[in-house]
Protein backbone atom coordinates (compact mmCIF):
# COMPACT_ATOMS: atom_id res chain seq x y z
CA UNK A 1 -119.85 1.50 65.63
CA UNK A 2 -121.90 -0.20 68.08
CA UNK A 3 -124.87 2.27 67.84
CA UNK A 4 -124.73 2.24 63.97
CA UNK A 5 -124.64 -1.77 64.13
CA UNK A 6 -127.56 -1.66 66.24
CA UNK A 7 -129.76 0.48 64.14
CA UNK A 8 -128.70 -1.34 61.01
CA UNK A 9 -129.85 -4.46 62.95
CA UNK A 10 -132.96 -2.98 63.92
CA UNK A 11 -133.84 -1.99 60.32
CA UNK A 12 -133.07 -5.75 59.28
CA UNK A 13 -135.58 -6.98 61.76
CA UNK A 14 -138.11 -4.57 60.86
CA UNK A 15 -137.86 -6.02 57.15
CA UNK A 16 -136.33 -2.77 55.75
CA UNK A 17 -132.90 -3.06 54.02
CA UNK A 18 -132.95 -6.63 53.66
CA UNK A 19 -129.60 -8.46 53.62
CA UNK A 20 -127.82 -5.58 53.09
CA UNK A 21 -128.89 -4.18 56.45
CA UNK A 22 -127.89 -7.33 58.10
CA UNK A 23 -124.55 -7.30 56.56
CA UNK A 24 -123.81 -3.79 57.73
CA UNK A 25 -125.22 -4.40 60.96
CA UNK A 26 -122.82 -7.20 61.45
CA UNK A 27 -120.00 -5.63 59.92
CA UNK A 28 -120.21 -2.72 62.35
CA UNK A 29 -121.08 -4.93 65.46
CA UNK A 30 -117.89 -6.83 64.88
CA UNK A 31 -115.91 -3.68 64.04
CA UNK A 32 -116.98 -2.10 67.43
CA UNK A 33 -116.13 -5.21 69.36
CA UNK A 34 -112.61 -5.26 67.69
CA UNK A 35 -112.22 -1.86 68.65
CA UNK A 36 -113.14 -2.13 71.97
CA UNK A 37 -112.03 -5.81 73.14
CA UNK A 38 -112.24 -5.14 76.67
CA UNK A 39 -116.16 -4.13 76.49
CA UNK A 40 -118.03 -7.00 77.35
CA UNK A 41 -121.32 -5.40 76.34
CA UNK A 42 -120.03 -5.35 72.56
CA UNK A 43 -119.67 -9.20 72.81
CA UNK A 44 -123.15 -9.39 74.39
CA UNK A 45 -124.67 -7.14 71.47
CA UNK A 46 -123.02 -9.85 69.04
CA UNK A 47 -124.44 -12.67 71.35
CA UNK A 48 -128.16 -10.99 71.00
CA UNK A 49 -127.86 -10.33 67.27
CA UNK A 50 -126.83 -14.24 66.58
CA UNK A 51 -129.61 -15.47 68.89
CA UNK A 52 -132.28 -13.02 67.34
CA UNK A 53 -131.15 -14.62 63.97
CA UNK A 54 -131.01 -18.28 64.98
CA UNK A 55 -134.60 -17.71 66.45
CA UNK A 56 -135.77 -15.73 62.90
CA UNK A 57 -134.64 -18.74 60.79
CA UNK A 58 -134.83 -21.95 62.59
CA UNK A 59 -132.78 -24.17 63.49
CA UNK A 60 -130.00 -21.95 63.42
CA UNK A 61 -127.89 -24.05 65.50
CA UNK A 62 -124.69 -22.55 63.94
CA UNK A 63 -125.93 -19.20 65.37
CA UNK A 64 -126.72 -20.48 68.68
CA UNK A 65 -123.02 -21.76 68.96
CA UNK A 66 -122.08 -18.13 67.86
CA UNK A 67 -123.87 -16.67 70.16
CA UNK A 68 -123.04 -18.72 73.16
CA UNK A 69 -119.20 -18.04 71.74
CA UNK A 70 -119.60 -14.11 72.15
CA UNK A 71 -121.54 -14.63 75.62
CA UNK A 72 -118.73 -16.93 76.66
CA UNK A 73 -116.57 -13.88 75.73
CA UNK A 74 -118.30 -11.51 77.39
CA UNK A 75 -118.29 -13.66 80.41
CA UNK A 76 -114.48 -13.65 80.54
CA UNK A 77 -114.35 -9.94 80.37
CA UNK A 78 -116.87 -9.62 83.10
CA UNK A 79 -117.34 -12.80 85.06
CA UNK A 80 -120.22 -11.01 87.61
CA UNK A 81 -122.52 -10.06 85.04
CA UNK A 82 -125.53 -12.38 86.14
CA UNK A 83 -127.56 -11.87 82.76
CA UNK A 84 -124.63 -13.20 80.69
CA UNK A 85 -124.45 -16.34 83.00
CA UNK A 86 -128.00 -16.81 82.14
CA UNK A 87 -127.45 -16.31 78.63
CA UNK A 88 -124.71 -19.16 78.56
CA UNK A 89 -126.79 -21.41 80.62
CA UNK A 90 -129.82 -21.12 78.65
CA UNK A 91 -127.93 -21.64 75.19
CA UNK A 92 -125.81 -24.24 76.60
CA UNK A 93 -128.75 -26.13 77.68
CA UNK A 94 -130.53 -25.46 74.34
CA UNK A 95 -127.45 -26.59 72.56
CA UNK A 96 -127.34 -29.90 74.65
CA UNK A 97 -124.50 -29.23 76.98
CA UNK A 98 -126.26 -29.78 80.37
CA UNK A 99 -123.09 -29.72 82.70
CA UNK A 100 -122.08 -26.04 81.00
CA UNK A 101 -125.85 -24.94 81.46
CA UNK A 102 -125.82 -26.18 85.08
CA UNK A 103 -122.42 -24.62 85.70
CA UNK A 104 -123.43 -21.58 84.53
CA UNK A 105 -126.70 -21.55 86.43
CA UNK A 106 -125.04 -22.50 89.67
CA UNK A 107 -122.51 -19.69 89.31
CA UNK A 108 -125.33 -16.97 88.90
CA UNK A 109 -126.85 -17.76 92.08
CA UNK A 110 -123.52 -18.45 93.72
CA UNK A 111 -122.46 -14.91 92.78
CA UNK A 112 -125.95 -13.18 94.04
CA UNK A 113 -128.14 -15.24 96.31
CA UNK A 114 -130.82 -12.96 95.56
CA UNK A 115 -131.23 -13.39 91.95
CA UNK A 116 -134.32 -14.90 91.89
CA UNK A 117 -134.47 -15.38 88.34
CA UNK A 118 -131.05 -17.51 88.56
CA UNK A 119 -132.76 -19.90 91.27
CA UNK A 120 -135.97 -19.91 88.98
CA UNK A 121 -133.77 -20.85 85.82
CA UNK A 122 -131.79 -23.68 87.98
CA UNK A 123 -135.01 -25.26 89.31
CA UNK A 124 -136.56 -25.31 85.70
CA UNK A 125 -133.24 -26.59 84.52
CA UNK A 126 -133.47 -29.63 86.80
CA UNK A 127 -137.01 -30.02 86.21
CA UNK A 128 -136.59 -30.70 82.50
CA UNK A 129 -133.64 -33.00 83.33
CA UNK A 130 -135.63 -35.14 85.32
CA UNK A 131 -133.61 -34.06 88.46
CA UNK A 132 -136.47 -33.76 90.88
CA UNK A 133 -135.06 -33.55 94.16
CA UNK A 134 -132.60 -30.96 93.04
CA UNK A 135 -135.41 -28.93 91.39
CA UNK A 136 -137.20 -28.79 94.46
CA UNK A 137 -134.35 -27.67 96.22
CA UNK A 138 -133.73 -24.83 93.76
CA UNK A 139 -137.54 -23.61 93.69
CA UNK A 140 -137.65 -24.09 97.47
CA UNK A 141 -134.66 -21.92 97.84
CA UNK A 142 -135.79 -19.46 95.27
CA UNK A 143 -139.34 -19.25 97.29
CA UNK A 144 -137.89 -18.76 100.63
CA UNK A 145 -135.62 -15.83 99.23
CA UNK A 146 -138.57 -14.23 97.56
CA UNK A 147 -140.50 -14.23 100.75
CA UNK A 148 -137.94 -12.09 102.10
CA UNK A 149 -137.44 -10.13 99.30
CA UNK A 150 -140.54 -7.37 99.96
CA UNK A 151 -138.38 -6.38 103.08
CA UNK A 152 -135.46 -5.52 101.07
CA UNK A 153 -135.57 -2.10 99.54
CA UNK A 154 -133.76 -2.06 95.68
CA UNK A 155 -131.44 1.16 95.24
CA UNK A 156 -131.23 0.42 91.50
CA UNK A 157 -132.84 -1.07 88.49
CA UNK A 158 -130.46 -3.95 88.68
CA UNK A 159 -131.90 -4.37 92.28
CA UNK A 160 -134.94 -4.39 91.28
CA UNK A 161 -134.71 -6.89 88.41
CA UNK A 162 -132.73 -9.35 91.06
CA UNK A 163 -136.24 -9.73 93.03
CA UNK A 164 -138.65 -9.56 90.18
CA UNK A 165 -139.88 -13.02 90.80
CA UNK A 166 -142.86 -13.49 93.50
CA UNK A 167 -143.33 -16.50 95.54
CA UNK A 168 -146.12 -17.88 93.77
CA UNK A 169 -144.14 -18.26 90.86
CA UNK A 170 -141.94 -20.81 92.68
CA UNK A 171 -144.69 -22.40 94.43
CA UNK A 172 -146.65 -22.93 91.37
CA UNK A 173 -143.47 -24.90 89.44
CA UNK A 174 -143.16 -26.94 92.63
CA UNK A 175 -147.08 -27.87 92.48
CA UNK A 176 -146.88 -28.78 88.55
CA UNK A 177 -143.98 -31.06 89.24
CA UNK A 178 -146.15 -32.74 92.08
CA UNK A 179 -148.93 -32.73 89.83
CA UNK A 180 -146.79 -34.42 87.18
CA UNK A 181 -144.65 -36.75 89.24
CA UNK A 182 -146.37 -37.73 92.51
CA UNK A 183 -143.69 -40.27 93.13
CA UNK A 184 -140.94 -37.97 93.39
CA UNK A 185 -142.05 -36.54 97.07
CA UNK A 186 -139.93 -38.06 99.64
CA UNK A 187 -140.11 -38.86 103.45
CA UNK A 188 -138.19 -35.80 104.04
CA UNK A 189 -140.59 -33.82 102.23
């Protein structure tokens, strides 16, 4: 069911099959999730589908809220999945729930210190919300960990993903903030 739903969804995204393909895709994806209620990936698939649909036809707030609900379901089933927490953080922020977004981003980096994308997301979140000392702290922590990352030997694709951001990315964000807010630098910098 999951594979069939995914196939129909790909047809729909390519412009093949129209609304009937979308209806079939959502039917099969939902059915797969109902048949396998303990499989977090099925909730993730529904979250991905809702997010894609919202992006195709903005504003799509209802679909983004549905996507967030599916990702929250996935997080209940798999509370240590960093990518699920990332999606919850990004969607919560986009939907205006800053406390939920911050909590998701913080949980991700608390679960895995070397989740460099998590530190980047946290820093960007704080920068967008004008919390410049917090942004500096997150980008600084990410940069420090990224400096150590080359000495680590990843043993799986997921570990490669953890270490995927170079130190320069963090330093560039810090420089942008400094350029936009020269008064944000405190005496302890």
